[in-house]
Amino acid sequence: MAEDFAEAYHKIPWKAVYCSPLRRSIATAKPLCDRLGIDIRLRNGLKEIYYGEWEGKTPEEVNREFHDDYVRWLADPGWNAPNGGEKGIDIARRSSEVLEEIEQTHGSGDVLVVSHKATIRIMLCSLLGIDVGRFRDRIGMPVASVSIIEMADRGPLVHVMGDRSHLREELRFTQGH
């Protein structure tokens, strides 16, 4: 999937590539960066949600072990965190700091941000004025998809959301995390 992305998008004159420091994101950004000779700028603000005590557990296990907290989180993950984890508003805050850095550093041009499905959905909700607690209900984000957002004078403008046309057909409908 990362190779397909690199092949489809290598002709864009990228100003920079900002990436979550987690292994999957780096593996996604690396083929394009290697091809173009661009350094990956790792930013903790782009990490996936930290699920705390829920990490590595199935939804069924979490429901059984942390039922009341899980129900609250399902109802509003913007303001309710997994036990020991992060609320949606925490992710919105930390990712918005990265977006502010990008805007200040790169006044114009194309900048690639490589992150994770939930973090990307939360960033999009925050940018578009959608309640962050509704990120799972309002925005779908297939794995290895591309969204193109222009930071326009009148605010963020969505050109493309969740596109996977750059993937080979056998990969285009692959499910994943």
Protein backbone atom coordinates (compact mmCIF):
# COMPACT_ATOMS: atom_id res chain seq x y z
CA MET A 1 0.00 0.00 0.00
CA ALA A 2 2.82 2.39 0.85
CA GLU A 3 4.58 1.55 -2.42
CA ASP A 4 1.36 2.22 -4.35
CA PHE A 5 1.04 5.58 -2.58
CA ALA A 6 4.64 6.49 -3.44
CA GLU A 7 4.11 5.57 -7.08
CA ALA A 8 0.91 7.61 -7.34
CA TYR A 9 2.12 10.71 -5.48
CA HIS A 10 5.87 10.97 -6.17
CA LYS A 11 5.44 13.75 -8.76
CA ILE A 12 3.91 16.19 -6.27
CA PRO A 13 6.47 18.78 -5.16
CA TRP A 14 6.19 17.96 -1.44
CA LYS A 15 7.50 20.69 0.87
CA ALA A 16 7.68 18.29 3.82
CA VAL A 17 6.42 15.02 5.29
CA TYR A 18 5.20 15.00 8.90
CA CYS A 19 4.59 11.60 10.43
CA SER A 20 3.57 9.82 13.59
CA PRO A 21 6.61 8.15 15.19
CA LEU A 22 4.77 4.83 15.34
CA ARG A 23 6.11 2.04 13.14
CA ARG A 24 3.10 1.71 10.79
CA SER A 25 3.13 5.39 9.91
CA ILE A 26 6.86 5.47 9.29
CA ALA A 27 6.53 2.38 7.06
CA THR A 28 3.81 4.21 5.12
CA ALA A 29 5.84 7.41 4.62
CA LYS A 30 9.23 5.78 3.98
CA PRO A 31 8.81 4.62 0.34
CA LEU A 32 7.81 8.11 -0.82
CA CYS A 33 10.46 9.85 1.28
CA ASP A 34 13.17 7.46 0.09
CA ARG A 35 12.16 7.98 -3.52
CA LEU A 36 12.22 11.77 -3.18
CA GLY A 37 15.10 12.13 -0.74
CA ILE A 38 12.86 13.89 1.82
CA ASP A 39 13.39 13.48 5.55
CA ILE A 40 10.45 12.30 7.65
CA ARG A 41 9.60 14.82 10.39
CA LEU A 42 8.36 12.72 13.31
CA ARG A 43 5.78 14.35 15.58
CA ASN A 44 4.25 12.82 18.71
CA GLY A 45 1.13 14.90 18.12
CA LEU A 46 0.27 12.60 15.21
CA LYS A 47 0.31 9.36 17.25
CA GLU A 48 -2.73 7.11 17.42
CA ILE A 49 -5.07 7.34 20.39
CA TYR A 50 -3.50 5.92 23.53
CA TYR A 51 -6.00 3.41 24.91
CA GLY A 52 -4.37 3.02 28.33
CA GLU A 53 -5.53 -0.12 30.13
CA TRP A 54 -7.56 -1.07 27.08
CA GLU A 55 -4.50 -1.49 24.81
CA GLY A 56 -4.41 -4.93 23.20
CA LYS A 57 -7.87 -5.92 24.43
CA THR A 58 -10.86 -6.75 22.24
CA PRO A 59 -14.01 -4.62 22.57
CA GLU A 60 -15.65 -7.58 24.29
CA GLU A 61 -12.88 -7.76 26.91
CA VAL A 62 -13.01 -4.00 27.49
CA ASN A 63 -16.79 -4.13 27.88
CA ARG A 64 -16.52 -6.96 30.37
CA GLU A 65 -13.66 -5.43 32.44
CA PHE A 66 -14.58 -1.73 32.24
CA HIS A 67 -18.26 -1.79 31.34
CA ASP A 68 -19.43 1.60 32.67
CA ASP A 69 -16.35 3.44 31.41
CA TYR A 70 -16.65 1.69 28.05
CA VAL A 71 -20.30 2.72 27.69
CA ARG A 72 -19.38 6.34 28.49
CA TRP A 73 -16.53 6.23 25.97
CA LEU A 74 -18.80 4.78 23.27
CA ALA A 75 -21.34 7.55 23.93
CA ASP A 76 -18.78 10.38 23.75
CA PRO A 77 -15.12 9.59 23.12
CA GLY A 78 -14.44 13.31 22.83
CA TRP A 79 -14.85 13.83 26.57
CA ASN A 80 -14.45 10.29 27.95
CA ALA A 81 -11.11 8.50 27.83
CA PRO A 82 -10.34 4.81 27.96
CA ASN A 83 -9.08 3.97 31.45
CA GLY A 84 -5.65 5.62 31.63
CA GLY A 85 -5.91 6.70 27.99
CA GLU A 86 -6.69 9.81 25.96
CA LYS A 87 -9.90 11.71 25.27
CA GLY A 88 -10.69 12.82 21.74
CA ILE A 89 -10.17 16.44 22.76
CA ASP A 90 -6.62 15.54 23.88
CA ILE A 91 -5.86 14.15 20.43
CA ALA A 92 -7.45 17.20 18.79
CA ARG A 93 -5.23 19.49 20.87
CA ARG A 94 -1.96 17.66 20.24
CA SER A 95 -2.61 17.18 16.53
CA SER A 96 -3.66 20.83 16.11
CA GLU A 97 -0.24 21.86 17.45
CA VAL A 98 1.36 19.93 14.58
CA LEU A 99 -1.00 21.54 12.06
CA GLU A 100 -0.15 24.98 13.45
CA GLU A 101 3.56 24.18 13.10
CA ILE A 102 2.99 23.12 9.48
CA GLU A 103 1.07 26.31 8.67
CA GLN A 104 3.73 28.50 10.28
CA THR A 105 6.64 26.64 8.66
CA HIS A 106 5.12 26.11 5.21
CA GLY A 107 2.95 29.05 4.21
CA SER A 108 2.07 27.41 0.92
CA GLY A 109 2.65 24.21 -0.98
CA ASP A 110 1.91 20.55 -0.44
CA VAL A 111 2.71 18.97 2.93
CA LEU A 112 2.04 15.30 3.62
CA VAL A 113 0.77 14.27 7.05
CA VAL A 114 0.93 10.54 7.82
CA SER A 115 -1.00 9.41 10.87
CA HIS A 116 -3.63 6.89 12.00
CA LYS A 117 -7.31 6.45 11.20
CA ALA A 118 -8.78 7.76 14.46
CA THR A 119 -6.27 10.59 14.77
CA ILE A 120 -6.94 11.67 11.19
CA ARG A 121 -10.71 11.57 11.74
CA ILE A 122 -10.34 13.64 14.92
CA MET A 123 -8.12 16.15 13.10
CA LEU A 124 -10.68 16.44 10.31
CA CYS A 125 -13.53 16.92 12.78
CA SER A 126 -11.57 19.63 14.55
CA LEU A 127 -10.71 21.39 11.29
CA LEU A 128 -14.25 21.20 9.95
CA GLY A 129 -16.07 22.24 13.13
CA ILE A 130 -17.58 18.81 13.77
CA ASP A 131 -17.92 17.69 17.40
CA VAL A 132 -14.74 15.67 18.06
CA GLY A 133 -16.79 13.17 20.05
CA ARG A 134 -18.55 12.18 16.82
CA PHE A 135 -15.38 11.27 14.91
CA ARG A 136 -16.43 7.62 14.53
CA ASP A 137 -19.99 8.55 13.55
CA ARG A 138 -19.30 11.31 11.02
CA ILE A 139 -16.13 10.43 9.11
CA GLY A 140 -15.11 7.10 7.65
CA MET A 141 -11.41 6.64 6.99
CA PRO A 142 -10.29 3.48 5.20
CA VAL A 143 -6.76 2.26 5.87
CA ALA A 144 -4.13 3.65 3.45
CA SER A 145 -6.49 6.33 2.19
CA VAL A 146 -5.71 9.89 1.15
CA SER A 147 -7.54 13.04 2.16
CA ILE A 148 -6.64 16.39 0.64
CA ILE A 149 -7.38 19.49 2.68
CA GLU A 150 -6.49 22.97 1.50
CA MET A 151 -5.78 25.48 4.23
CA ALA A 152 -7.62 28.29 2.44
CA ASP A 153 -8.09 31.92 3.45
CA ARG A 154 -11.63 31.19 4.65
CA GLY A 155 -10.71 28.02 6.51
CA PRO A 156 -10.02 24.39 5.68
CA LEU A 157 -11.44 23.22 2.35
CA VAL A 158 -11.91 19.49 1.72
CA HIS A 159 -11.01 18.44 -1.82
CA VAL A 160 -10.76 14.67 -1.26
CA MET A 161 -11.60 12.47 1.73
CA GLY A 162 -10.74 8.82 2.25
CA ASP A 163 -9.68 8.11 -1.34
CA ARG A 164 -7.98 4.79 -2.14
CA SER A 165 -7.86 5.01 -5.93
CA HIS A 166 -4.03 5.00 -5.78
CA LEU A 167 -4.06 1.39 -4.56
CA ARG A 168 -3.95 -1.62 -6.85
CA GLU A 169 -7.40 -3.18 -7.17
CA GLU A 170 -6.51 -6.21 -5.03
CA LEU A 171 -5.55 -3.83 -2.18
CA ARG A 172 -8.21 -1.16 -2.62
CA PHE A 173 -10.88 -2.93 -0.57
CA THR A 174 -8.59 -4.48 2.04
CA GLN A 175 -9.79 -3.94 5.58
CA GLY A 176 -7.30 -2.96 8.23
CA HIS A 177 -6.49 -0.92 11.29
